[in-house]
Amino acid sequence: MTLNRRTFLSTAAAAGTITVLPFAGRAGGHLPNEFKTSQGTLLVHPVHHASIVMETPIGTLYVDPVGETSEYEGLPPADLILVTHQHGDHYNADVLKAVKGENTQMITNPAVFDMLPEELKMNTSAMGNGATASLTGLQVDAIPAHNITEGRLNFHPKGRDNGYVLTMDDFRVYVSGDTEDVPEMRALEGIDLAFVCMNLPFTMTAEAAADAVRTFKPTFVYPYHYRGRDGGTQDPAMFAEMVGDASTVKMGDWYKPGELG
């Protein structure tokens, strides 16, 4: 798979270090967090619940873009979109139509690919668990994301949904999608930045998420996807306390005050 030269810059190596300058920010004055990589600065925009925008030295990545299209105003257009699975807080065809440009590449799990409208299948590839895509300046690995606790197995059955590991030179990002602390998560190595979900009954507790983070030890970790209905909200501050000094916990403004996922 090869990304369009206009977007994921094939000239990056020749140009040397690239610094991505921040946009004005998303509607509402959101300011991103910055992370330094050997290629330049990576900016993280927490958009909403499980939706993330990352400006990287090789292009702009959207992960599970849902919510209101106004939440993406002021952000750079997507060069690559990743969709983890088909639940409505991760997949919304109308939002994808709004943010996916003519040359935007997209990767989804096979179940989402099969339900895409035809116009969204252009420049889109399906990846199952264990698959790898080599893009210009980026490697994408699809990581299993599923439930392992009896009584929750039907929410995210084994083999259907994806998490993703994104490797940009020597900087590695893990996006969990919806999952419990599966062995493949715990076995990750060399992760610089992680996004780890937690809510009940659909994924896992803050305790389970923190225990997994203490095992695979990403340099930085965001708790996300932590508010839910029916009392499923998990406390990101408690998560941070339990992670301790295993990783640096970053907080994102994923929700408006009082808002559920």
C-alpha atoms as a PDB file:
ATOM      1  CA  MET A   1       0.000   0.000   0.000  1.00  0.00           C
ATOM      2  CA  THR A   2       1.396   3.422  -0.922  1.00  0.00           C
ATOM      3  CA  LEU A   3       0.059   6.711   0.339  1.00  0.00           C
ATOM      4  CA  ASN A   4      -0.395   9.660  -1.983  1.00  0.00           C
ATOM      5  CA  ARG A   5       2.770  11.749  -2.193  1.00  0.00           C
ATOM      6  CA  ARG A   6       0.785  14.903  -1.511  1.00  0.00           C
ATOM      7  CA  THR A   7      -0.108  13.667   1.933  1.00  0.00           C
ATOM      8  CA  PHE A   8       2.401  11.292   3.524  1.00  0.00           C
ATOM      9  CA  LEU A   9       5.516  13.069   2.441  1.00  0.00           C
ATOM     10  CA  SER A  10       7.892  10.829   0.532  1.00  0.00           C
ATOM     11  CA  THR A  11      10.347  13.738   0.549  1.00  0.00           C
ATOM     12  CA  ALA A  12      10.607  13.720   4.347  1.00  0.00           C
ATOM     13  CA  ALA A  13      13.965  11.939   4.441  1.00  0.00           C
ATOM     14  CA  ALA A  14      15.496  14.336   1.937  1.00  0.00           C
ATOM     15  CA  ALA A  15      14.094  17.362   3.718  1.00  0.00           C
ATOM     16  CA  GLY A  16      15.600  16.410   7.082  1.00  0.00           C
ATOM     17  CA  THR A  17      13.805  17.118  10.343  1.00  0.00           C
ATOM     18  CA  ILE A  18      10.244  18.337   9.876  1.00  0.00           C
ATOM     19  CA  THR A  19       8.506  20.308  12.586  1.00  0.00           C
ATOM     20  CA  VAL A  20       4.722  20.292  12.416  1.00  0.00           C
ATOM     21  CA  LEU A  21       3.393  23.655  13.519  1.00  0.00           C
ATOM     22  CA  PRO A  22       0.141  23.638  15.464  1.00  0.00           C
ATOM     23  CA  PHE A  23      -3.064  24.729  13.822  1.00  0.00           C
ATOM     24  CA  ALA A  24      -5.202  27.303  15.594  1.00  0.00           C
ATOM     25  CA  GLY A  25      -6.807  24.369  17.383  1.00  0.00           C
ATOM     26  CA  ARG A  26     -10.142  22.696  17.257  1.00  0.00           C
ATOM     27  CA  ALA A  27     -13.364  24.614  17.747  1.00  0.00           C
ATOM     28  CA  GLY A  28     -13.528  25.703  21.366  1.00  0.00           C
ATOM     29  CA  GLY A  29      -9.841  26.574  21.692  1.00  0.00           C
ATOM     30  CA  HIS A  30      -8.423  23.101  22.252  1.00  0.00           C
ATOM     31  CA  LEU A  31      -4.626  23.054  22.410  1.00  0.00           C
ATOM     32  CA  PRO A  32      -2.798  19.844  21.516  1.00  0.00           C
ATOM     33  CA  ASN A  33      -0.091  18.055  23.466  1.00  0.00           C
ATOM     34  CA  GLU A  34       3.310  17.868  21.790  1.00  0.00           C
ATOM     35  CA  PHE A  35       5.610  14.851  21.601  1.00  0.00           C
ATOM     36  CA  LYS A  36       9.114  14.969  20.197  1.00  0.00           C
ATOM     37  CA  THR A  37      10.210  12.346  17.686  1.00  0.00           C
ATOM     38  CA  SER A  38      13.433  11.952  15.716  1.00  0.00           C
ATOM     39  CA  GLN A  39      11.579  13.271  12.655  1.00  0.00           C
ATOM     40  CA  GLY A  40       9.947  16.240  14.321  1.00  0.00           C
ATOM     41  CA  THR A  41       6.992  17.097  16.527  1.00  0.00           C
ATOM     42  CA  LEU A  42       3.845  14.983  16.863  1.00  0.00           C
ATOM     43  CA  LEU A  43       0.719  16.802  18.026  1.00  0.00           C
ATOM     44  CA  VAL A  44      -2.182  14.991  19.677  1.00  0.00           C
ATOM     45  CA  HIS A  45      -5.673  16.483  19.492  1.00  0.00           C
ATOM     46  CA  PRO A  46      -8.119  14.583  21.728  1.00  0.00           C
ATOM     47  CA  VAL A  47     -11.393  15.177  19.887  1.00  0.00           C
ATOM     48  CA  HIS A  48     -14.135  13.172  21.576  1.00  0.00           C
ATOM     49  CA  HIS A  49     -14.358   9.933  23.612  1.00  0.00           C
ATOM     50  CA  ALA A  50     -12.466   7.602  21.219  1.00  0.00           C
ATOM     51  CA  SER A  51     -11.775  10.048  18.382  1.00  0.00           C
ATOM     52  CA  ILE A  52      -8.199  11.247  17.977  1.00  0.00           C
ATOM     53  CA  VAL A  53      -6.391  13.475  15.492  1.00  0.00           C
ATOM     54  CA  MET A  54      -2.590  13.272  15.347  1.00  0.00           C
ATOM     55  CA  GLU A  55      -0.479  15.674  13.319  1.00  0.00           C
ATOM     56  CA  THR A  56       2.768  13.845  12.607  1.00  0.00           C
ATOM     57  CA  PRO A  57       5.905  14.698  10.615  1.00  0.00           C
ATOM     58  CA  ILE A  58       4.632  12.448   7.803  1.00  0.00           C
ATOM     59  CA  GLY A  59       0.963  13.456   7.690  1.00  0.00           C
ATOM     60  CA  THR A  60      -2.233  13.803   9.698  1.00  0.00           C
ATOM     61  CA  LEU A  61      -3.923  10.713  11.142  1.00  0.00           C
ATOM     62  CA  TYR A  62      -7.564  10.493  12.203  1.00  0.00           C
ATOM     63  CA  VAL A  63      -8.561   7.595  14.470  1.00  0.00           C
ATOM     64  CA  ASP A  64     -12.247   6.598  14.795  1.00  0.00           C
ATOM     65  CA  PRO A  65     -13.656   9.988  13.760  1.00  0.00           C
ATOM     66  CA  VAL A  66     -17.234  10.296  15.040  1.00  0.00           C
ATOM     67  CA  GLY A  67     -19.260  12.973  16.822  1.00  0.00           C
ATOM     68  CA  GLU A  68     -20.103  16.332  15.269  1.00  0.00           C
ATOM     69  CA  THR A  69     -18.295  17.382  12.112  1.00  0.00           C
ATOM     70  CA  SER A  70     -17.824  20.798  13.735  1.00  0.00           C
ATOM     71  CA  GLU A  71     -15.384  19.147  16.157  1.00  0.00           C
ATOM     72  CA  TYR A  72     -12.935  18.741  13.262  1.00  0.00           C
ATOM     73  CA  GLU A  73     -13.118  22.346  12.089  1.00  0.00           C
ATOM     74  CA  GLY A  74      -9.754  24.080  12.355  1.00  0.00           C
ATOM     75  CA  LEU A  75      -7.884  20.785  12.252  1.00  0.00           C
ATOM     76  CA  PRO A  76      -5.783  19.777   9.251  1.00  0.00           C
ATOM     77  CA  PRO A  77      -7.430  17.429   6.751  1.00  0.00           C
ATOM     78  CA  ALA A  78      -6.901  13.705   7.158  1.00  0.00           C
ATOM     79  CA  ASP A  79      -4.150  11.975   5.192  1.00  0.00           C
ATOM     80  CA  LEU A  80      -4.912   8.596   6.774  1.00  0.00           C
ATOM     81  CA  ILE A  81      -8.000   7.457   8.686  1.00  0.00           C
ATOM     82  CA  LEU A  82      -8.007   4.391  10.935  1.00  0.00           C
ATOM     83  CA  VAL A  83     -11.245   2.747  12.073  1.00  0.00           C
ATOM     84  CA  THR A  84     -11.066   0.092  14.790  1.00  0.00           C
ATOM     85  CA  HIS A  85     -14.602  -1.374  14.615  1.00  0.00           C
ATOM     86  CA  GLN A  86     -18.234  -0.726  13.792  1.00  0.00           C
ATOM     87  CA  HIS A  87     -19.761   0.501  17.043  1.00  0.00           C
ATOM     88  CA  GLY A  88     -21.322   3.955  16.760  1.00  0.00           C
ATOM     89  CA  ASP A  89     -18.790   5.619  19.061  1.00  0.00           C
ATOM     90  CA  HIS A  90     -16.022   4.512  16.664  1.00  0.00           C
ATOM     91  CA  TYR A  91     -17.631   4.352  13.212  1.00  0.00           C
ATOM     92  CA  ASN A  92     -19.962   6.867  11.612  1.00  0.00           C
ATOM     93  CA  ALA A  93     -20.296   6.837   7.829  1.00  0.00           C
ATOM     94  CA  ASP A  94     -21.616  10.409   7.664  1.00  0.00           C
ATOM     95  CA  VAL A  95     -18.642  11.778   9.605  1.00  0.00           C
ATOM     96  CA  LEU A  96     -16.262   9.738   7.439  1.00  0.00           C
ATOM     97  CA  LYS A  97     -17.807  11.238   4.306  1.00  0.00           C
ATOM     98  CA  ALA A  98     -17.222  14.700   5.762  1.00  0.00           C
ATOM     99  CA  VAL A  99     -13.564  14.202   6.764  1.00  0.00           C
ATOM    100  CA  LYS A 100     -12.314  11.780   4.089  1.00  0.00           C
ATOM    101  CA  GLY A 101     -10.908  13.675   1.117  1.00  0.00           C
ATOM    102  CA  GLU A 102     -10.421  12.430  -2.422  1.00  0.00           C
ATOM    103  CA  ASN A 103      -6.849  11.372  -1.687  1.00  0.00           C
ATOM    104  CA  THR A 104      -7.281  10.311   1.935  1.00  0.00           C
ATOM    105  CA  GLN A 105      -6.257   6.737   2.621  1.00  0.00           C
ATOM    106  CA  MET A 106      -8.279   4.687   5.101  1.00  0.00           C
ATOM    107  CA  ILE A 107      -7.722   1.410   6.936  1.00  0.00           C
ATOM    108  CA  THR A 108     -10.539  -0.433   8.711  1.00  0.00           C
ATOM    109  CA  ASN A 109     -11.167  -3.844  10.174  1.00  0.00           C
ATOM    110  CA  PRO A 110     -12.900  -6.225   7.701  1.00  0.00           C
ATOM    111  CA  ALA A 111     -16.332  -5.903   9.340  1.00  0.00           C
ATOM    112  CA  VAL A 112     -16.367  -2.128   8.862  1.00  0.00           C
ATOM    113  CA  PHE A 113     -15.057  -2.412   5.308  1.00  0.00           C
ATOM    114  CA  ASP A 114     -17.965  -4.685   4.400  1.00  0.00           C
ATOM    115  CA  MET A 115     -20.506  -2.124   5.627  1.00  0.00           C
ATOM    116  CA  LEU A 116     -18.923   0.965   4.030  1.00  0.00           C
ATOM    117  CA  PRO A 117     -20.884   2.853   1.378  1.00  0.00           C
ATOM    118  CA  GLU A 118     -19.252   2.395  -2.012  1.00  0.00           C
ATOM    119  CA  GLU A 119     -17.899   5.963  -2.137  1.00  0.00           C
ATOM    120  CA  LEU A 120     -15.958   5.358   1.075  1.00  0.00           C
ATOM    121  CA  LYS A 121     -14.289   2.195  -0.232  1.00  0.00           C
ATOM    122  CA  MET A 122     -12.077   4.204  -2.594  1.00  0.00           C
ATOM    123  CA  ASN A 123      -8.506   4.311  -1.212  1.00  0.00           C
ATOM    124  CA  THR A 124      -9.622   2.086   1.682  1.00  0.00           C
ATOM    125  CA  SER A 125      -8.115  -1.236   2.751  1.00  0.00           C
ATOM    126  CA  ALA A 126      -9.327  -3.869   5.204  1.00  0.00           C
ATOM    127  CA  MET A 127      -6.855  -5.267   7.749  1.00  0.00           C
ATOM    128  CA  GLY A 128      -7.532  -8.157  10.079  1.00  0.00           C
ATOM    129  CA  ASN A 129      -5.788  -9.006  13.332  1.00  0.00           C
ATOM    130  CA  GLY A 130      -2.092  -9.637  12.754  1.00  0.00           C
ATOM    131  CA  ALA A 131      -1.929  -7.886   9.373  1.00  0.00           C
ATOM    132  CA  THR A 132       0.682  -5.247   8.550  1.00  0.00           C
ATOM    133  CA  ALA A 133       0.593  -2.398   6.047  1.00  0.00           C
ATOM    134  CA  SER A 134       3.750  -0.618   4.918  1.00  0.00           C
ATOM    135  CA  LEU A 135       3.040   2.974   3.957  1.00  0.00           C
ATOM    136  CA  THR A 136       5.371   5.799   3.041  1.00  0.00           C
ATOM    137  CA  GLY A 137       7.090   6.576   6.332  1.00  0.00           C
ATOM    138  CA  LEU A 138       4.652   4.534   8.380  1.00  0.00           C
ATOM    139  CA  GLN A 139       4.033   0.918   9.340  1.00  0.00           C
ATOM    140  CA  VAL A 140       0.562  -0.033  10.574  1.00  0.00           C
ATOM    141  CA  ASP A 141       0.077  -3.253  12.534  1.00  0.00           C
ATOM    142  CA  ALA A 142      -3.442  -4.465  13.379  1.00  0.00           C
ATOM    143  CA  ILE A 143      -3.501  -5.721  16.984  1.00  0.00           C
ATOM    144  CA  PRO A 144      -6.279  -7.923  18.437  1.00  0.00           C
ATOM    145  CA  ALA A 145      -8.899  -6.000  20.413  1.00  0.00           C
ATOM    146  CA  HIS A 146     -11.588  -8.020  22.167  1.00  0.00           C
ATOM    147  CA  ASN A 147     -13.225  -8.959  25.439  1.00  0.00           C
ATOM    148  CA  ILE A 148     -11.886 -11.781  27.588  1.00  0.00           C
ATOM    149  CA  THR A 149     -14.260 -11.672  30.593  1.00  0.00           C
ATOM    150  CA  GLU A 150     -17.228 -14.021  30.734  1.00  0.00           C
ATOM    151  CA  GLY A 151     -20.405 -12.033  30.222  1.00  0.00           C
ATOM    152  CA  ARG A 152     -18.687  -9.415  28.054  1.00  0.00           C
ATOM    153  CA  LEU A 153     -17.521 -11.619  25.183  1.00  0.00           C
ATOM    154  CA  ASN A 154     -20.373 -10.637  22.904  1.00  0.00           C
ATOM    155  CA  PHE A 155     -19.469  -6.935  23.004  1.00  0.00           C
ATOM    156  CA  HIS A 156     -16.184  -7.325  21.128  1.00  0.00           C
ATOM    157  CA  PRO A 157     -15.735 -10.927  19.978  1.00  0.00           C
ATOM    158  CA  LYS A 158     -12.261 -12.267  19.381  1.00  0.00           C
ATOM    159  CA  GLY A 159     -10.920 -11.764  15.865  1.00  0.00           C
ATOM    160  CA  ARG A 160     -13.309  -9.032  14.711  1.00  0.00           C
ATOM    161  CA  ASP A 161     -11.957  -5.680  15.912  1.00  0.00           C
ATOM    162  CA  ASN A 162      -8.586  -3.955  15.683  1.00  0.00           C
ATOM    163  CA  GLY A 163      -6.236  -1.973  17.826  1.00  0.00           C
ATOM    164  CA  TYR A 164      -3.326  -0.430  15.925  1.00  0.00           C
ATOM    165  CA  VAL A 165       0.408   0.024  16.411  1.00  0.00           C
ATOM    166  CA  LEU A 166       1.814   2.825  14.264  1.00  0.00           C
ATOM    167  CA  THR A 167       5.563   2.913  13.706  1.00  0.00           C
ATOM    168  CA  MET A 168       7.108   6.125  12.378  1.00  0.00           C
ATOM    169  CA  ASP A 169      10.848   5.559  12.208  1.00  0.00           C
ATOM    170  CA  ASP A 170      11.729   5.029  15.888  1.00  0.00           C
ATOM    171  CA  PHE A 171       8.493   6.401  17.366  1.00  0.00           C
ATOM    172  CA  ARG A 172       5.678   3.920  18.078  1.00  0.00           C
ATOM    173  CA  VAL A 173       2.051   4.694  18.896  1.00  0.00           C
ATOM    174  CA  TYR A 174      -0.512   2.192  20.210  1.00  0.00           C
ATOM    175  CA  VAL A 175      -4.262   2.811  19.912  1.00  0.00           C
ATOM    176  CA  SER A 176      -6.238   0.206  21.832  1.00  0.00           C
ATOM    177  CA  GLY A 177      -9.680   0.567  20.287  1.00  0.00           C
ATOM    178  CA  ASP A 178     -12.251  -1.279  22.424  1.00  0.00           C
ATOM    179  CA  THR A 179     -10.603  -4.134  24.273  1.00  0.00           C
ATOM    180  CA  GLU A 180      -9.758  -5.654  27.596  1.00  0.00           C
ATOM    181  CA  ASP A 181      -6.150  -6.209  28.627  1.00  0.00           C
ATOM    182  CA  VAL A 182      -5.518  -8.972  26.121  1.00  0.00           C
ATOM    183  CA  PRO A 183      -2.154 -10.768  26.008  1.00  0.00           C
ATOM    184  CA  GLU A 184      -1.220  -8.973  22.774  1.00  0.00           C
ATOM    185  CA  MET A 185      -1.512  -5.643  24.567  1.00  0.00           C
ATOM    186  CA  ARG A 186       0.564  -6.795  27.509  1.00  0.00           C
ATOM    187  CA  ALA A 187       3.245  -8.138  25.141  1.00  0.00           C
ATOM    188  CA  LEU A 188       3.790  -4.822  23.352  1.00  0.00           C
ATOM    189  CA  GLU A 189       7.322  -3.450  23.421  1.00  0.00           C
ATOM    190  CA  GLY A 190       8.900  -0.120  22.625  1.00  0.00           C
ATOM    191  CA  ILE A 191       5.667   1.922  22.692  1.00  0.00           C
ATOM    192  CA  ASP A 192       6.305   5.646  23.030  1.00  0.00           C
ATOM    193  CA  LEU A 193       2.685   6.807  23.136  1.00  0.00           C
ATOM    194  CA  ALA A 194      -0.421   4.784  23.985  1.00  0.00           C
ATOM    195  CA  PHE A 195      -4.161   5.409  24.088  1.00  0.00           C
ATOM    196  CA  VAL A 196      -5.824   2.900  26.428  1.00  0.00           C
ATOM    197  CA  CYS A 197      -9.586   2.511  26.812  1.00  0.00           C
ATOM    198  CA  MET A 198     -11.510   1.775  29.976  1.00  0.00           C
ATOM    199  CA  ASN A 199     -15.239   1.610  30.708  1.00  0.00           C
ATOM    200  CA  LEU A 200     -17.777  -0.992  31.793  1.00  0.00           C
ATOM    201  CA  PRO A 201     -19.334  -3.233  30.773  1.00  0.00           C
ATOM    202  CA  PHE A 202     -17.881  -2.870  27.302  1.00  0.00           C
ATOM    203  CA  THR A 203     -14.102  -2.798  27.854  1.00  0.00           C
ATOM    204  CA  MET A 204     -12.256  -2.920  31.188  1.00  0.00           C
ATOM    205  CA  THR A 205     -11.814  -1.257  34.544  1.00  0.00           C
ATOM    206  CA  ALA A 206      -9.255   1.405  35.340  1.00  0.00           C
ATOM    207  CA  GLU A 207      -7.498  -1.216  37.479  1.00  0.00           C
ATOM    208  CA  ALA A 208      -7.144  -3.644  34.561  1.00  0.00           C
ATOM    209  CA  ALA A 209      -6.028  -0.892  32.192  1.00  0.00           C
ATOM    210  CA  ALA A 210      -3.416   0.370  34.656  1.00  0.00           C
ATOM    211  CA  ASP A 211      -2.137  -3.146  35.302  1.00  0.00           C
ATOM    212  CA  ALA A 212      -1.634  -3.657  31.555  1.00  0.00           C
ATOM    213  CA  VAL A 213       0.165  -0.322  31.246  1.00  0.00           C
ATOM    214  CA  ARG A 214       2.479  -1.258  34.115  1.00  0.00           C
ATOM    215  CA  THR A 215       3.325  -4.379  32.103  1.00  0.00           C
ATOM    216  CA  PHE A 216       4.053  -2.939  28.643  1.00  0.00           C
ATOM    217  CA  LYS A 217       5.300   0.441  29.975  1.00  0.00           C
ATOM    218  CA  PRO A 218       4.648   2.976  27.215  1.00  0.00           C
ATOM    219  CA  THR A 219       6.601   6.197  27.709  1.00  0.00           C
ATOM    220  CA  PHE A 220       3.378   8.238  27.629  1.00  0.00           C
ATOM    221  CA  VAL A 221      -0.215   7.031  27.952  1.00  0.00           C
ATOM    222  CA  TYR A 222      -3.614   8.651  27.570  1.00  0.00           C
ATOM    223  CA  PRO A 223      -6.634   7.135  29.281  1.00  0.00           C
ATOM    224  CA  TYR A 224      -9.522   7.550  26.844  1.00  0.00           C
ATOM    225  CA  HIS A 225     -12.978   6.100  26.174  1.00  0.00           C
ATOM    226  CA  TYR A 226     -13.611   6.186  29.929  1.00  0.00           C
ATOM    227  CA  ARG A 227     -17.159   7.516  30.224  1.00  0.00           C
ATOM    228  CA  GLY A 228     -20.148   5.308  29.586  1.00  0.00           C
ATOM    229  CA  ARG A 229     -23.770   4.811  30.441  1.00  0.00           C
ATOM    230  CA  ASP A 230     -25.212   2.600  33.191  1.00  0.00           C
ATOM    231  CA  GLY A 231     -22.498   3.514  35.678  1.00  0.00           C
ATOM    232  CA  GLY A 232     -19.659   2.406  33.419  1.00  0.00           C
ATOM    233  CA  THR A 233     -17.518   5.533  33.824  1.00  0.00           C
ATOM    234  CA  GLN A 234     -13.953   4.937  35.016  1.00  0.00           C
ATOM    235  CA  ASP A 235     -11.808   7.519  36.811  1.00  0.00           C
ATOM    236  CA  PRO A 236      -8.758   8.658  34.793  1.00  0.00           C
ATOM    237  CA  ALA A 237      -7.182  10.186  37.899  1.00  0.00           C
ATOM    238  CA  MET A 238      -7.401   6.835  39.679  1.00  0.00           C
ATOM    239  CA  PHE A 239      -5.909   5.203  36.582  1.00  0.00           C
ATOM    240  CA  ALA A 240      -2.983   7.654  36.711  1.00  0.00           C
ATOM    241  CA  GLU A 241      -2.402   6.933  40.397  1.00  0.00           C
ATOM    242  CA  MET A 242      -2.344   3.189  39.765  1.00  0.00           C
ATOM    243  CA  VAL A 243       0.018   3.524  36.776  1.00  0.00           C
ATOM    244  CA  GLY A 244       2.474   5.270  39.078  1.00  0.00           C
ATOM    245  CA  ASP A 245       5.911   5.834  37.636  1.00  0.00           C
ATOM    246  CA  ALA A 246       5.605   3.082  35.000  1.00  0.00           C
ATOM    247  CA  SER A 247       4.500   5.660  32.405  1.00  0.00           C
ATOM    248  CA  THR A 248       3.779   9.373  32.172  1.00  0.00           C
ATOM    249  CA  VAL A 249      -0.007   9.771  32.068  1.00  0.00           C
ATOM    250  CA  LYS A 250      -1.401  12.502  29.822  1.00  0.00           C
ATOM    251  CA  MET A 251      -4.953  13.783  30.179  1.00  0.00           C
ATOM    252  CA  GLY A 252      -7.081  14.886  27.237  1.00  0.00           C
ATOM    253  CA  ASP A 253     -10.255  16.959  27.194  1.00  0.00           C
ATOM    254  CA  TRP A 254     -12.289  14.135  25.669  1.00  0.00           C
ATOM    255  CA  TYR A 255     -15.644  15.236  27.108  1.00  0.00           C
ATOM    256  CA  LYS A 256     -17.684  18.317  27.802  1.00  0.00           C
ATOM    257  CA  PRO A 257     -18.643  18.686  31.473  1.00  0.00           C
ATOM    258  CA  GLY A 258     -21.167  16.014  32.412  1.00  0.00           C
ATOM    259  CA  GLU A 259     -21.095  14.381  28.990  1.00  0.00           C
ATOM    260  CA  LEU A 260     -21.165  10.621  28.578  1.00  0.00           C
ATOM    261  CA  GLY A 261     -19.426   8.698  25.811  1.00  0.00           C
END
